[in-house]
Amino acid sequence: INGGSDVVYGAPIRAGDVIRSETRLHSYREKTGRMGPMLITVT
């Protein structure tokens, strides 16, 4: 399931800009919930 998102904006996008996006594996955290073991993954 989706656990949410947060975003910080920087330089504005202007006409003529070429944007590069990179998605990286950031972190893992384990937890136990009602349904058993859970893995919280952040990209």
PDB file of all heavy atoms in Angstrom:
ATOM      1  N   ILE A   1       0.855  -1.194   0.000  1.00  0.00           N
ATOM      2  CA  ILE A   1       0.000   0.000   0.000  1.00  0.00           C
ATOM      3  C   ILE A   1       0.886   1.237   0.000  1.00  0.00           C
ATOM      4  O   ILE A   1       2.055   1.187   0.384  1.00  0.00           O
ATOM      5  CB  ILE A   1      -0.971   0.029   1.206  1.00  0.00           C
ATOM      6  CG1 ILE A   1      -0.203   0.003   2.527  1.00  0.00           C
ATOM      7  CG2 ILE A   1      -1.964  -1.110   1.127  1.00  0.00           C
ATOM      8  CD1 ILE A   1      -1.084   0.198   3.748  1.00  0.00           C
ATOM      9  N   ASN A   2       0.303   2.350  -0.424  1.00  0.00           N
ATOM     10  CA  ASN A   2       0.996   3.632  -0.445  1.00  0.00           C
ATOM     11  C   ASN A   2       1.065   4.173   0.975  1.00  0.00           C
ATOM     12  O   ASN A   2       0.062   4.251   1.665  1.00  0.00           O
ATOM     13  CB  ASN A   2       0.236   4.603  -1.360  1.00  0.00           C
ATOM     14  CG  ASN A   2       0.918   5.942  -1.489  1.00  0.00           C
ATOM     15  OD1 ASN A   2       1.889   6.245  -0.813  1.00  0.00           O
ATOM     16  ND2 ASN A   2       0.388   6.759  -2.383  1.00  0.00           N
ATOM     17  N   GLY A   3       2.258   4.573   1.410  1.00  0.00           N
ATOM     18  CA  GLY A   3       2.440   5.107   2.751  1.00  0.00           C
ATOM     19  C   GLY A   3       2.586   6.613   2.782  1.00  0.00           C
ATOM     20  O   GLY A   3       2.804   7.188   3.841  1.00  0.00           O
ATOM     21  N   GLY A   4       2.487   7.287   1.629  1.00  0.00           N
ATOM     22  CA  GLY A   4       2.558   8.748   1.597  1.00  0.00           C
ATOM     23  C   GLY A   4       3.786   9.269   0.884  1.00  0.00           C
ATOM     24  O   GLY A   4       4.705   8.525   0.541  1.00  0.00           O
ATOM     25  N   SER A   5       3.789  10.578   0.681  1.00  0.00           N
ATOM     26  CA  SER A   5       4.872  11.262  -0.023  1.00  0.00           C
ATOM     27  C   SER A   5       5.137  12.607   0.638  1.00  0.00           C
ATOM     28  O   SER A   5       4.233  13.204   1.214  1.00  0.00           O
ATOM     29  CB  SER A   5       4.484  11.536  -1.484  1.00  0.00           C
ATOM     30  OG  SER A   5       4.240  10.342  -2.172  1.00  0.00           O
ATOM     31  N   ASP A   6       6.366  13.059   0.521  1.00  0.00           N
ATOM     32  CA  ASP A   6       6.668  14.442   0.888  1.00  0.00           C
ATOM     33  C   ASP A   6       7.630  14.996  -0.148  1.00  0.00           C
ATOM     34  O   ASP A   6       8.440  14.268  -0.711  1.00  0.00           O
ATOM     35  CB  ASP A   6       7.234  14.559   2.312  1.00  0.00           C
ATOM     36  CG  ASP A   6       8.576  13.901   2.477  1.00  0.00           C
ATOM     37  OD1 ASP A   6       9.590  14.571   2.150  1.00  0.00           O
ATOM     38  OD2 ASP A   6       8.638  12.754   2.919  1.00  0.00           O
ATOM     39  N   VAL A   7       7.491  16.290  -0.419  1.00  0.00           N
ATOM     40  CA  VAL A   7       8.249  16.926  -1.493  1.00  0.00           C
ATOM     41  C   VAL A   7       8.757  18.280  -1.023  1.00  0.00           C
ATOM     42  O   VAL A   7       8.041  19.020  -0.355  1.00  0.00           O
ATOM     43  CB  VAL A   7       7.358  17.132  -2.751  1.00  0.00           C
ATOM     44  CG1 VAL A   7       8.109  17.878  -3.839  1.00  0.00           C
ATOM     45  CG2 VAL A   7       6.850  15.807  -3.285  1.00  0.00           C
ATOM     46  N   VAL A   8       9.992  18.596  -1.410  1.00  0.00           N
ATOM     47  CA  VAL A   8      10.567  19.922  -1.206  1.00  0.00           C
ATOM     48  C   VAL A   8      10.922  20.449  -2.595  1.00  0.00           C
ATOM     49  O   VAL A   8      11.608  19.772  -3.366  1.00  0.00           O
ATOM     50  CB  VAL A   8      11.826  19.856  -0.321  1.00  0.00           C
ATOM     51  CG1 VAL A   8      12.478  21.228  -0.208  1.00  0.00           C
ATOM     52  CG2 VAL A   8      11.490  19.296   1.048  1.00  0.00           C
ATOM     53  N   TYR A   9      10.425  21.643  -2.919  1.00  0.00           N
ATOM     54  CA  TYR A   9      10.672  22.230  -4.235  1.00  0.00           C
ATOM     55  C   TYR A   9      11.880  23.158  -4.185  1.00  0.00           C
ATOM     56  O   TYR A   9      12.147  23.792  -3.172  1.00  0.00           O
ATOM     57  CB  TYR A   9       9.441  22.997  -4.721  1.00  0.00           C
ATOM     58  CG  TYR A   9       8.261  22.091  -4.963  1.00  0.00           C
ATOM     59  CD1 TYR A   9       7.243  21.957  -4.018  1.00  0.00           C
ATOM     60  CD2 TYR A   9       8.172  21.349  -6.135  1.00  0.00           C
ATOM     61  CE1 TYR A   9       6.171  21.106  -4.237  1.00  0.00           C
ATOM     62  CE2 TYR A   9       7.106  20.496  -6.357  1.00  0.00           C
ATOM     63  CZ  TYR A   9       6.112  20.390  -5.407  1.00  0.00           C
ATOM     64  OH  TYR A   9       5.055  19.544  -5.632  1.00  0.00           O
ATOM     65  N   GLY A  10      12.600  23.222  -5.288  1.00  0.00           N
ATOM     66  CA  GLY A  10      13.783  24.075  -5.387  1.00  0.00           C
ATOM     67  C   GLY A  10      13.645  25.064  -6.524  1.00  0.00           C
ATOM     68  O   GLY A  10      12.688  25.832  -6.575  1.00  0.00           O
ATOM     69  N   ALA A  11      14.575  24.991  -7.473  1.00  0.00           N
ATOM     70  CA  ALA A  11      14.581  25.915  -8.612  1.00  0.00           C
ATOM     71  C   ALA A  11      13.296  25.754  -9.423  1.00  0.00           C
ATOM     72  O   ALA A  11      12.830  24.630  -9.628  1.00  0.00           O
ATOM     73  CB  ALA A  11      15.793  25.635  -9.498  1.00  0.00           C
ATOM     74  N   PRO A  12      12.726  26.850  -9.901  1.00  0.00           N
ATOM     75  CA  PRO A  12      11.511  26.739 -10.713  1.00  0.00           C
ATOM     76  C   PRO A  12      11.816  26.156 -12.092  1.00  0.00           C
ATOM     77  O   PRO A  12      12.928  26.269 -12.600  1.00  0.00           O
ATOM     78  CB  PRO A  12      11.034  28.188 -10.832  1.00  0.00           C
ATOM     79  CG  PRO A  12      12.265  29.008 -10.654  1.00  0.00           C
ATOM     80  CD  PRO A  12      13.147  28.233  -9.716  1.00  0.00           C
ATOM     81  N   ILE A  13      10.814  25.510 -12.668  1.00  0.00           N
ATOM     82  CA  ILE A  13      10.932  25.005 -14.042  1.00  0.00           C
ATOM     83  C   ILE A  13      10.508  26.125 -14.979  1.00  0.00           C
ATOM     84  O   ILE A  13       9.433  26.707 -14.821  1.00  0.00           O
ATOM     85  CB  ILE A  13      10.045  23.759 -14.253  1.00  0.00           C
ATOM     86  CG1 ILE A  13      10.513  22.613 -13.357  1.00  0.00           C
ATOM     87  CG2 ILE A  13      10.065  23.342 -15.728  1.00  0.00           C
ATOM     88  CD1 ILE A  13       9.631  21.373 -13.424  1.00  0.00           C
ATOM     89  N   ARG A  14      11.355  26.400 -15.955  1.00  0.00           N
ATOM     90  CA  ARG A  14      11.091  27.467 -16.933  1.00  0.00           C
ATOM     91  C   ARG A  14      11.036  26.870 -18.332  1.00  0.00           C
ATOM     92  O   ARG A  14      11.554  25.782 -18.576  1.00  0.00           O
ATOM     93  CB  ARG A  14      12.198  28.514 -16.877  1.00  0.00           C
ATOM     94  CG  ARG A  14      12.355  29.150 -15.517  1.00  0.00           C
ATOM     95  CD  ARG A  14      13.495  30.170 -15.516  1.00  0.00           C
ATOM     96  NE  ARG A  14      13.755  30.684 -14.187  1.00  0.00           N
ATOM     97  CZ  ARG A  14      13.044  31.622 -13.580  1.00  0.00           C
ATOM     98  NH1 ARG A  14      12.012  32.147 -14.175  1.00  0.00           N
ATOM     99  NH2 ARG A  14      13.360  32.028 -12.364  1.00  0.00           N
ATOM    100  N   ALA A  15      10.432  27.611 -19.233  1.00  0.00           N
ATOM    101  CA  ALA A  15      10.392  27.187 -20.632  1.00  0.00           C
ATOM    102  C   ALA A  15      11.823  26.972 -21.118  1.00  0.00           C
ATOM    103  O   ALA A  15      12.710  27.770 -20.832  1.00  0.00           O
ATOM    104  CB  ALA A  15       9.681  28.229 -21.486  1.00  0.00           C
ATOM    105  N   GLY A  16      12.058  25.858 -21.818  1.00  0.00           N
ATOM    106  CA  GLY A  16      13.376  25.517 -22.329  1.00  0.00           C
ATOM    107  C   GLY A  16      14.155  24.564 -21.436  1.00  0.00           C
ATOM    108  O   GLY A  16      15.139  23.965 -21.876  1.00  0.00           O
ATOM    109  N   ASP A  17      13.744  24.420 -20.174  1.00  0.00           N
ATOM    110  CA  ASP A  17      14.444  23.511 -19.266  1.00  0.00           C
ATOM    111  C   ASP A  17      14.290  22.060 -19.700  1.00  0.00           C
ATOM    112  O   ASP A  17      13.241  21.654 -20.193  1.00  0.00           O
ATOM    113  CB  ASP A  17      13.910  23.634 -17.833  1.00  0.00           C
ATOM    114  CG  ASP A  17      14.433  24.849 -17.089  1.00  0.00           C
ATOM    115  OD1 ASP A  17      15.308  25.557 -17.625  1.00  0.00           O
ATOM    116  OD2 ASP A  17      13.958  25.084 -15.957  1.00  0.00           O
ATOM    117  N   VAL A  18      15.341  21.282 -19.482  1.00  0.00           N
ATOM    118  CA  VAL A  18      15.318  19.832 -19.665  1.00  0.00           C
ATOM    119  C   VAL A  18      15.499  19.256 -18.265  1.00  0.00           C
ATOM    120  O   VAL A  18      16.488  19.556 -17.584  1.00  0.00           O
ATOM    121  CB  VAL A  18      16.430  19.351 -20.612  1.00  0.00           C
ATOM    122  CG1 VAL A  18      16.485  17.827 -20.663  1.00  0.00           C
ATOM    123  CG2 VAL A  18      16.219  19.930 -22.008  1.00  0.00           C
ATOM    124  N   ILE A  19      14.549  18.446 -17.826  1.00  0.00           N
ATOM    125  CA  ILE A  19      14.543  17.933 -16.465  1.00  0.00           C
ATOM    126  C   ILE A  19      14.954  16.464 -16.461  1.00  0.00           C
ATOM    127  O   ILE A  19      14.477  15.669 -17.261  1.00  0.00           O
ATOM    128  CB  ILE A  19      13.142  18.088 -15.823  1.00  0.00           C
ATOM    129  CG1 ILE A  19      12.665  19.549 -15.921  1.00  0.00           C
ATOM    130  CG2 ILE A  19      13.145  17.598 -14.381  1.00  0.00           C
ATOM    131  CD1 ILE A  19      13.556  20.575 -15.265  1.00  0.00           C
ATOM    132  N   ARG A  20      15.846  16.126 -15.523  1.00  0.00           N
ATOM    133  CA  ARG A  20      16.251  14.736 -15.317  1.00  0.00           C
ATOM    134  C   ARG A  20      15.701  14.290 -13.969  1.00  0.00           C
ATOM    135  O   ARG A  20      15.829  14.995 -12.968  1.00  0.00           O
ATOM    136  CB  ARG A  20      17.768  14.602 -15.320  1.00  0.00           C
ATOM    137  CG  ARG A  20      18.221  13.163 -15.076  1.00  0.00           C
ATOM    138  CD  ARG A  20      19.751  13.047 -15.058  1.00  0.00           C
ATOM    139  NE  ARG A  20      20.154  11.699 -14.710  1.00  0.00           N
ATOM    140  CZ  ARG A  20      20.285  10.697 -15.560  1.00  0.00           C
ATOM    141  NH1 ARG A  20      20.056  10.889 -16.848  1.00  0.00           N
ATOM    142  NH2 ARG A  20      20.654   9.502 -15.150  1.00  0.00           N
ATOM    143  N   SER A  21      15.081  13.126 -13.955  1.00  0.00           N
ATOM    144  CA  SER A  21      14.544  12.541 -12.734  1.00  0.00           C
ATOM    145  C   SER A  21      15.325  11.277 -12.424  1.00  0.00           C
ATOM    146  O   SER A  21      15.558  10.464 -13.314  1.00  0.00           O
ATOM    147  CB  SER A  21      13.066  12.191 -12.939  1.00  0.00           C
ATOM    148  OG  SER A  21      12.593  11.401 -11.879  1.00  0.00           O
ATOM    149  N   GLU A  22      15.744  11.134 -11.165  1.00  0.00           N
ATOM    150  CA  GLU A  22      16.385   9.892 -10.714  1.00  0.00           C
ATOM    151  C   GLU A  22      15.651   9.400  -9.478  1.00  0.00           C
ATOM    152  O   GLU A  22      15.425  10.163  -8.544  1.00  0.00           O
ATOM    153  CB  GLU A  22      17.856  10.113 -10.347  1.00  0.00           C
ATOM    154  CG  GLU A  22      18.780  10.032 -11.503  1.00  0.00           C
ATOM    155  CD  GLU A  22      20.244   9.908 -11.090  1.00  0.00           C
ATOM    156  OE1 GLU A  22      20.554   9.783  -9.890  1.00  0.00           O
ATOM    157  OE2 GLU A  22      21.081   9.941 -12.006  1.00  0.00           O
ATOM    158  N   THR A  23      15.284   8.122  -9.495  1.00  0.00           N
ATOM    159  CA  THR A  23      14.642   7.488  -8.344  1.00  0.00           C
ATOM    160  C   THR A  23      15.646   6.516  -7.737  1.00  0.00           C
ATOM    161  O   THR A  23      16.166   5.651  -8.428  1.00  0.00           O
ATOM    162  CB  THR A  23      13.369   6.739  -8.772  1.00  0.00           C
ATOM    163  OG1 THR A  23      12.474   7.667  -9.394  1.00  0.00           O
ATOM    164  CG2 THR A  23      12.694   6.087  -7.580  1.00  0.00           C
ATOM    165  N   ARG A  24      15.925   6.708  -6.433  1.00  0.00           N
ATOM    166  CA  ARG A  24      16.884   5.863  -5.729  1.00  0.00           C
ATOM    167  C   ARG A  24      16.212   5.149  -4.570  1.00  0.00           C
ATOM    168  O   ARG A  24      15.311   5.692  -3.931  1.00  0.00           O
ATOM    169  CB  ARG A  24      18.023   6.712  -5.158  1.00  0.00           C
ATOM    170  CG  ARG A  24      18.942   7.308  -6.179  1.00  0.00           C
ATOM    171  CD  ARG A  24      20.029   8.142  -5.499  1.00  0.00           C
ATOM    172  NE  ARG A  24      20.383   9.284  -6.302  1.00  0.00           N
ATOM    173  CZ  ARG A  24      19.722  10.430  -6.366  1.00  0.00           C
ATOM    174  NH1 ARG A  24      18.658  10.611  -5.646  1.00  0.00           N
ATOM    175  NH2 ARG A  24      20.126  11.399  -7.138  1.00  0.00           N
ATOM    176  N   LEU A  25      16.698   3.968  -4.275  1.00  0.00           N
ATOM    177  CA  LEU A  25      16.266   3.243  -3.096  1.00  0.00           C
ATOM    178  C   LEU A  25      16.885   3.943  -1.895  1.00  0.00           C
ATOM    179  O   LEU A  25      18.098   4.022  -1.772  1.00  0.00           O
ATOM    180  CB  LEU A  25      16.736   1.792  -3.200  1.00  0.00           C
ATOM    181  CG  LEU A  25      16.403   0.859  -2.061  1.00  0.00           C
ATOM    182  CD1 LEU A  25      14.908   0.851  -1.759  1.00  0.00           C
ATOM    183  CD2 LEU A  25      16.888  -0.536  -2.384  1.00  0.00           C
ATOM    184  N   HIS A  26      16.065   4.500  -1.017  1.00  0.00           N
ATOM    185  CA  HIS A  26      16.555   5.342   0.076  1.00  0.00           C
ATOM    186  C   HIS A  26      16.700   4.599   1.405  1.00  0.00           C
ATOM    187  O   HIS A  26      17.729   4.686   2.055  1.00  0.00           O
ATOM    188  CB  HIS A  26      15.626   6.545   0.241  1.00  0.00           C
ATOM    189  CG  HIS A  26      16.077   7.537   1.248  1.00  0.00           C
ATOM    190  ND1 HIS A  26      15.619   7.533   2.541  1.00  0.00           N
ATOM    191  CD2 HIS A  26      16.961   8.559   1.157  1.00  0.00           C
ATOM    192  CE1 HIS A  26      16.195   8.517   3.203  1.00  0.00           C
ATOM    193  NE2 HIS A  26      17.007   9.153   2.390  1.00  0.00           N
ATOM    194  N   SER A  27      15.647   3.873   1.820  1.00  0.00           N
ATOM    195  CA  SER A  27      15.748   3.203   3.124  1.00  0.00           C
ATOM    196  C   SER A  27      14.717   2.094   3.271  1.00  0.00           C
ATOM    197  O   SER A  27      13.703   2.068   2.573  1.00  0.00           O
ATOM    198  CB  SER A  27      15.570   4.211   4.260  1.00  0.00           C
ATOM    199  OG  SER A  27      14.274   4.765   4.250  1.00  0.00           O
ATOM    200  N   TYR A  28      15.014   1.208   4.203  1.00  0.00           N
ATOM    201  CA  TYR A  28      14.090   0.151   4.632  1.00  0.00           C
ATOM    202  C   TYR A  28      13.932   0.266   6.141  1.00  0.00           C
ATOM    203  O   TYR A  28      14.898   0.573   6.853  1.00  0.00           O
ATOM    204  CB  TYR A  28      14.664  -1.247   4.350  1.00  0.00           C
ATOM    205  CG  TYR A  28      14.745  -1.650   2.902  1.00  0.00           C
ATOM    206  CD1 TYR A  28      15.976  -1.848   2.296  1.00  0.00           C
ATOM    207  CD2 TYR A  28      13.594  -1.883   2.157  1.00  0.00           C
ATOM    208  CE1 TYR A  28      16.065  -2.269   0.979  1.00  0.00           C
ATOM    209  CE2 TYR A  28      13.679  -2.299   0.839  1.00  0.00           C
ATOM    210  CZ  TYR A  28      14.902  -2.485   0.256  1.00  0.00           C
ATOM    211  OH  TYR A  28      14.991  -2.906  -1.045  1.00  0.00           O
ATOM    212  N   ARG A  29      12.734  -0.024   6.625  1.00  0.00           N
ATOM    213  CA  ARG A  29      12.488  -0.102   8.060  1.00  0.00           C
ATOM    214  C   ARG A  29      11.471  -1.210   8.298  1.00  0.00           C
ATOM    215  O   ARG A  29      10.477  -1.312   7.583  1.00  0.00           O
ATOM    216  CB  ARG A  29      11.950   1.235   8.575  1.00  0.00           C
ATOM    217  CG  ARG A  29      11.905   1.307  10.081  1.00  0.00           C
ATOM    218  CD  ARG A  29      11.507   2.681  10.576  1.00  0.00           C
ATOM    219  NE  ARG A  29      10.063   2.791  10.475  1.00  0.00           N
ATOM    220  CZ  ARG A  29       9.403   3.846  10.026  1.00  0.00           C
ATOM    221  NH1 ARG A  29      10.043   4.898   9.627  1.00  0.00           N
ATOM    222  NH2 ARG A  29       8.096   3.866   9.979  1.00  0.00           N
ATOM    223  N   GLU A  30      11.727  -2.035   9.278  1.00  0.00           N
ATOM    224  CA  GLU A  30      10.824  -3.136   9.594  1.00  0.00           C
ATOM    225  C   GLU A  30       9.984  -2.795  10.812  1.00  0.00           C
ATOM    226  O   GLU A  30      10.427  -2.076  11.696  1.00  0.00           O
ATOM    227  CB  GLU A  30      11.621  -4.403   9.862  1.00  0.00           C
ATOM    228  CG  GLU A  30      12.368  -4.882   8.635  1.00  0.00           C
ATOM    229  CD  GLU A  30      13.175  -6.118   8.905  1.00  0.00           C
ATOM    230  OE1 GLU A  30      12.559  -7.213   8.970  1.00  0.00           O
ATOM    231  OE2 GLU A  30      14.399  -5.993   9.046  1.00  0.00           O
ATOM    232  N   LYS A  31       8.762  -3.333  10.804  1.00  0.00           N
ATOM    233  CA  LYS A  31       7.830  -3.090  11.885  1.00  0.00           C
ATOM    234  C   LYS A  31       6.860  -4.264  11.938  1.00  0.00           C
ATOM    235  O   LYS A  31       6.672  -4.953  10.941  1.00  0.00           O
ATOM    236  CB  LYS A  31       7.072  -1.790  11.571  1.00  0.00           C
ATOM    237  CG  LYS A  31       6.498  -1.085  12.725  1.00  0.00           C
ATOM    238  CD  LYS A  31       5.974   0.277  12.277  1.00  0.00           C
ATOM    239  CE  LYS A  31       5.353   0.946  13.474  1.00  0.00           C
ATOM    240  NZ  LYS A  31       4.797   2.226  13.157  1.00  0.00           N
ATOM    241  N   THR A  32       6.227  -4.467  13.067  1.00  0.00           N
ATOM    242  CA  THR A  32       5.202  -5.490  13.169  1.00  0.00           C
ATOM    243  C   THR A  32       3.861  -4.805  13.370  1.00  0.00           C
ATOM    244  O   THR A  32       3.722  -3.928  14.229  1.00  0.00           O
ATOM    245  CB  THR A  32       5.489  -6.449  14.348  1.00  0.00           C
ATOM    246  OG1 THR A  32       6.762  -7.044  14.128  1.00  0.00           O
ATOM    247  CG2 THR A  32       4.433  -7.537  14.426  1.00  0.00           C
ATOM    248  N   GLY A  33       2.883  -5.195  12.565  1.00  0.00           N
ATOM    249  CA  GLY A  33       1.536  -4.631  12.658  1.00  0.00           C
ATOM    250  C   GLY A  33       0.514  -5.715  12.945  1.00  0.00           C
ATOM    251  O   GLY A  33       0.871  -6.879  13.165  1.00  0.00           O
ATOM    252  N   ARG A  34      -0.758  -5.345  12.897  1.00  0.00           N
ATOM    253  CA  ARG A  34      -1.834  -6.323  13.131  1.00  0.00           C
ATOM    254  C   ARG A  34      -1.782  -7.486  12.163  1.00  0.00           C
ATOM    255  O   ARG A  34      -2.178  -8.594  12.487  1.00  0.00           O
ATOM    256  CB  ARG A  34      -3.202  -5.647  13.007  1.00  0.00           C
ATOM    257  CG  ARG A  34      -3.573  -4.774  14.158  1.00  0.00           C
ATOM    258  CD  ARG A  34      -4.986  -4.262  14.020  1.00  0.00           C
ATOM    259  NE  ARG A  34      -5.110  -3.522  12.761  1.00  0.00           N
ATOM    260  CZ  ARG A  34      -6.205  -3.431  12.048  1.00  0.00           C
ATOM    261  NH1 ARG A  34      -7.317  -4.016  12.437  1.00  0.00           N
ATOM    262  NH2 ARG A  34      -6.240  -2.738  10.941  1.00  0.00           N
ATOM    263  N   MET A  35      -1.310  -7.224  10.942  1.00  0.00           N
ATOM    264  CA  MET A  35      -1.275  -8.248   9.900  1.00  0.00           C
ATOM    265  C   MET A  35       0.052  -9.022   9.895  1.00  0.00           C
ATOM    266  O   MET A  35       0.280  -9.840   9.029  1.00  0.00           O
ATOM    267  CB  MET A  35      -1.490  -7.610   8.534  1.00  0.00           C
ATOM    268  CG  MET A  35      -2.717  -6.730   8.442  1.00  0.00           C
ATOM    269  SD  MET A  35      -4.233  -7.615   8.219  1.00  0.00           S
ATOM    270  CE  MET A  35      -4.112  -8.081   6.536  1.00  0.00           C
ATOM    271  N   GLY A  36       0.939  -8.707  10.833  1.00  0.00           N
ATOM    272  CA  GLY A  36       2.223  -9.398  10.899  1.00  0.00           C
ATOM    273  C   GLY A  36       3.374  -8.492  10.527  1.00  0.00           C
ATOM    274  O   GLY A  36       3.286  -7.266  10.633  1.00  0.00           O
ATOM    275  N   PRO A  37       4.476  -9.078  10.034  1.00  0.00           N
ATOM    276  CA  PRO A  37       5.660  -8.289   9.690  1.00  0.00           C
ATOM    277  C   PRO A  37       5.379  -7.330   8.536  1.00  0.00           C
ATOM    278  O   PRO A  37       4.687  -7.684   7.578  1.00  0.00           O
ATOM    279  CB  PRO A  37       6.695  -9.327   9.275  1.00  0.00           C
ATOM    280  CG  PRO A  37       6.118 -10.651   9.547  1.00  0.00           C
ATOM    281  CD  PRO A  37       4.667 -10.497   9.810  1.00  0.00           C
ATOM    282  N   MET A  38       5.909  -6.116   8.658  1.00  0.00           N
ATOM    283  CA  MET A  38       5.755  -5.101   7.612  1.00  0.00           C
ATOM    284  C   MET A  38       7.122  -4.559   7.236  1.00  0.00           C
ATOM    285  O   MET A  38       8.004  -4.444   8.093  1.00  0.00           O
ATOM    286  CB  MET A  38       4.905  -3.927   8.104  1.00  0.00           C
ATOM    287  CG  MET A  38       3.498  -4.262   8.468  1.00  0.00           C
ATOM    288  SD  MET A  38       2.489  -2.807   8.863  1.00  0.00           S
ATOM    289  CE  MET A  38       3.476  -1.890   9.997  1.00  0.00           C
ATOM    290  N   LEU A  39       7.279  -4.206   5.964  1.00  0.00           N
ATOM    291  CA  LEU A  39       8.502  -3.569   5.487  1.00  0.00           C
ATOM    292  C   LEU A  39       8.118  -2.200   4.935  1.00  0.00           C
ATOM    293  O   LEU A  39       7.314  -2.099   4.004  1.00  0.00           O
ATOM    294  CB  LEU A  39       9.172  -4.418   4.407  1.00  0.00           C
ATOM    295  CG  LEU A  39      10.476  -3.859   3.862  1.00  0.00           C
ATOM    296  CD1 LEU A  39      11.518  -3.722   4.971  1.00  0.00           C
ATOM    297  CD2 LEU A  39      11.001  -4.737   2.738  1.00  0.00           C
ATOM    298  N   ILE A  40       8.676  -1.170   5.526  1.00  0.00           N
ATOM    299  CA  ILE A  40       8.428   0.204   5.083  1.00  0.00           C
ATOM    300  C   ILE A  40       9.622   0.606   4.221  1.00  0.00           C
ATOM    301  O   ILE A  40      10.762   0.612   4.683  1.00  0.00           O
ATOM    302  CB  ILE A  40       8.256   1.135   6.292  1.00  0.00           C
ATOM    303  CG1 ILE A  40       7.061   0.656   7.121  1.00  0.00           C
ATOM    304  CG2 ILE A  40       8.087   2.579   5.839  1.00  0.00           C
ATOM    305  CD1 ILE A  40       6.972   1.232   8.503  1.00  0.00           C
ATOM    306  N   THR A  41       9.340   0.897   2.965  1.00  0.00           N
ATOM    307  CA  THR A  41      10.378   1.217   1.987  1.00  0.00           C
ATOM    308  C   THR A  41      10.211   2.654   1.529  1.00  0.00           C
ATOM    309  O   THR A  41       9.111   3.076   1.194  1.00  0.00           O
ATOM    310  CB  THR A  41      10.283   0.280   0.769  1.00  0.00           C
ATOM    311  OG1 THR A  41      10.314  -1.076   1.223  1.00  0.00           O
ATOM    312  CG2 THR A  41      11.412   0.521  -0.213  1.00  0.00           C
ATOM    313  N   VAL A  42      11.314   3.395   1.519  1.00  0.00           N
ATOM    314  CA  VAL A  42      11.289   4.785   1.058  1.00  0.00           C
ATOM    315  C   VAL A  42      12.174   4.901  -0.174  1.00  0.00           C
ATOM    316  O   VAL A  42      13.326   4.448  -0.167  1.00  0.00           O
ATOM    317  CB  VAL A  42      11.776   5.759   2.158  1.00  0.00           C
ATOM    318  CG1 VAL A  42      11.790   7.197   1.646  1.00  0.00           C
ATOM    319  CG2 VAL A  42      10.901   5.642   3.401  1.00  0.00           C
ATOM    320  N   THR A  43      11.617   5.496  -1.231  1.00  0.00           N
ATOM    321  CA  THR A  43      12.410   5.832  -2.415  1.00  0.00           C
ATOM    322  C   THR A  43      12.551   7.343  -2.463  1.00  0.00           C
ATOM    323  O   THR A  43      11.670   8.080  -2.016  1.00  0.00           O
ATOM    324  CB  THR A  43      11.763   5.320  -3.722  1.00  0.00           C
ATOM    325  OG1 THR A  43      10.427   5.806  -3.816  1.00  0.00           O
ATOM    326  CG2 THR A  43      11.780   3.810  -3.797  1.00  0.00           C
TER     327      THR A  43
END
